[in-house]
Amino acid sequence: MGRMDRDPELDESVTRMFDLARAGDTEALRACVEAGGPVNLTNGKGDTLLMLAAYYGHAETVRMLVTCGADPNVINGRGQTPLAGAVFKKESAVVRALLDAGADPNAGAPSALDTARMFANDQFIQWFTAS
């Protein structure tokens, strides 16, 4: 199948889901997922909806996605996890939401723990090593 055979409506729907995750439009994204949109959808860089919501600091959207079945430990094409992205952006509420959802601070390269150490973020280091 060539590019000509692709359904432009499907492409538009997929693009919209990524835009909603990036913008933190939790309810509109929930409607898409509940209508059958894949919760672990990835873009060309391997980023999931969860990665974008986490990276852009949308804790409520992150919680909704994991409640709907999003995997918090999916690694993108650059070896990063949503948790490492949230640590990089210093998004405490997102980090907490991902940890509560079972995100692994040691997954990925650099891992969330490595990223926290790189930026000397003692709060996150403490969260990741307290167990």
Protein backbone atom coordinates (compact mmCIF):
# COMPACT_ATOMS: atom_id res chain seq x y z
CA MET A 1 0.00 0.00 0.00
CA GLY A 2 1.38 3.35 -0.98
CA ARG A 3 0.84 6.68 0.66
CA MET A 4 -2.09 7.29 -1.70
CA ASP A 5 -4.02 4.43 -0.08
CA ARG A 6 -3.93 5.97 3.40
CA ASP A 7 -7.17 7.18 4.90
CA PRO A 8 -6.83 10.96 5.35
CA GLU A 9 -9.62 10.90 7.95
CA LEU A 10 -7.67 8.36 10.03
CA ASP A 11 -4.46 10.42 9.72
CA GLU A 12 -6.39 13.49 10.89
CA SER A 13 -7.85 11.56 13.84
CA VAL A 14 -4.41 10.30 14.90
CA THR A 15 -2.89 13.78 14.58
CA ARG A 16 -5.75 15.17 16.67
CA MET A 17 -5.12 12.63 19.45
CA PHE A 18 -1.44 13.66 19.66
CA ASP A 19 -2.45 17.35 19.65
CA LEU A 20 -4.92 16.71 22.50
CA ALA A 21 -2.26 14.90 24.55
CA ARG A 22 0.25 17.71 23.95
CA ALA A 23 -2.36 20.33 24.93
CA GLY A 24 -3.60 18.41 27.97
CA ASP A 25 -7.21 18.32 26.74
CA THR A 26 -8.09 15.41 29.01
CA GLU A 27 -11.82 15.10 28.29
CA ALA A 28 -11.53 15.34 24.50
CA LEU A 29 -8.70 12.79 24.54
CA ARG A 30 -10.72 10.52 26.85
CA ALA A 31 -13.59 10.64 24.33
CA CYS A 32 -11.20 9.60 21.53
CA VAL A 33 -9.81 6.69 23.57
CA GLU A 34 -13.28 5.56 24.68
CA ALA A 35 -14.40 5.68 21.02
CA GLY A 36 -11.69 3.14 20.19
CA GLY A 37 -8.58 5.25 19.68
CA PRO A 38 -5.49 3.23 20.71
CA VAL A 39 -4.31 4.39 24.13
CA ASN A 40 -0.72 3.30 23.41
CA LEU A 41 -0.59 4.96 19.99
CA THR A 42 2.92 6.07 18.98
CA ASN A 43 4.07 8.72 16.51
CA GLY A 44 7.01 8.51 14.11
CA LYS A 45 9.47 9.24 16.95
CA GLY A 46 8.04 6.44 19.11
CA ASP A 47 6.39 8.90 21.49
CA THR A 48 3.13 7.72 23.00
CA LEU A 49 0.19 9.92 23.93
CA LEU A 50 1.35 9.43 27.52
CA MET A 51 4.87 10.65 26.68
CA LEU A 52 3.51 13.87 25.19
CA ALA A 53 1.08 14.49 28.06
CA ALA A 54 3.88 13.86 30.57
CA TYR A 55 6.49 15.97 28.77
CA TYR A 56 4.10 18.91 28.49
CA GLY A 57 3.17 18.73 32.18
CA HIS A 58 -0.43 17.51 32.08
CA ALA A 59 -0.81 15.37 35.22
CA GLU A 60 -4.58 14.99 34.87
CA THR A 61 -4.22 13.77 31.28
CA VAL A 62 -1.46 11.38 32.40
CA ARG A 63 -3.73 9.92 35.11
CA MET A 64 -6.61 9.50 32.64
CA LEU A 65 -4.39 7.75 30.07
CA VAL A 66 -2.95 5.26 32.58
CA THR A 67 -6.46 4.61 33.95
CA CYS A 68 -7.49 3.81 30.37
CA GLY A 69 -4.59 1.35 30.02
CA ALA A 70 -1.63 3.40 28.76
CA ASP A 71 1.69 1.71 29.58
CA PRO A 72 3.86 4.12 31.63
CA ASN A 73 7.04 2.26 30.69
CA VAL A 74 6.98 2.50 26.89
CA ILE A 75 10.38 3.71 25.65
CA ASN A 76 10.42 6.07 22.65
CA GLY A 77 12.80 6.03 19.69
CA ARG A 78 15.38 8.02 21.68
CA GLY A 79 15.39 5.57 24.60
CA GLN A 80 13.30 7.83 26.86
CA THR A 81 10.33 7.04 29.09
CA PRO A 82 7.47 9.37 30.01
CA LEU A 83 8.90 9.47 33.55
CA ALA A 84 12.34 10.61 32.34
CA GLY A 85 10.64 13.28 30.21
CA ALA A 86 8.68 14.55 33.22
CA VAL A 87 11.87 14.61 35.33
CA PHE A 88 13.68 16.56 32.60
CA LYS A 89 10.84 19.12 32.57
CA LYS A 90 10.71 19.19 36.42
CA GLU A 91 7.00 18.30 36.42
CA SER A 92 6.49 17.05 40.00
CA ALA A 93 2.75 16.31 39.66
CA VAL A 94 3.38 14.28 36.50
CA VAL A 95 6.29 12.40 38.09
CA ARG A 96 4.05 11.51 41.05
CA ALA A 97 1.19 10.39 38.75
CA LEU A 98 3.55 8.19 36.73
CA LEU A 99 5.11 6.65 39.84
CA ASP A 100 1.61 5.93 41.18
CA ALA A 101 0.88 4.21 37.85
CA GLY A 102 3.91 1.92 38.19
CA ALA A 103 6.46 3.77 36.06
CA ASP A 104 9.95 2.33 36.48
CA PRO A 105 12.53 5.03 37.38
CA ASN A 106 15.31 2.73 36.09
CA ALA A 107 13.83 2.15 32.60
CA GLY A 108 15.23 3.87 29.53
CA ALA A 109 18.53 5.54 28.76
CA PRO A 110 19.00 7.87 30.40
CA SER A 111 16.56 6.60 33.00
CA ALA A 112 14.43 8.92 35.12
CA LEU A 113 16.80 8.25 38.03
CA ASP A 114 19.85 9.09 35.88
CA THR A 115 18.09 12.26 34.67
CA ALA A 116 17.26 13.28 38.26
CA ARG A 117 20.90 12.74 39.23
CA MET A 118 22.11 14.71 36.18
CA PHE A 119 20.05 17.72 37.32
CA ALA A 120 20.71 17.14 41.06
CA ASN A 121 16.96 16.91 41.71
CA ASP A 122 17.06 15.57 45.27
CA GLN A 123 13.27 15.37 45.59
CA PHE A 124 12.94 13.05 42.60
CA ILE A 125 16.01 11.02 43.62
CA GLN A 126 14.40 10.49 47.02
CA TRP A 127 11.07 9.45 45.43
CA PHE A 128 12.86 6.97 43.13
CA THR A 129 15.06 5.38 45.78
CA ALA A 130 12.52 5.23 48.67
CA SER A 131 11.20 1.68 48.65
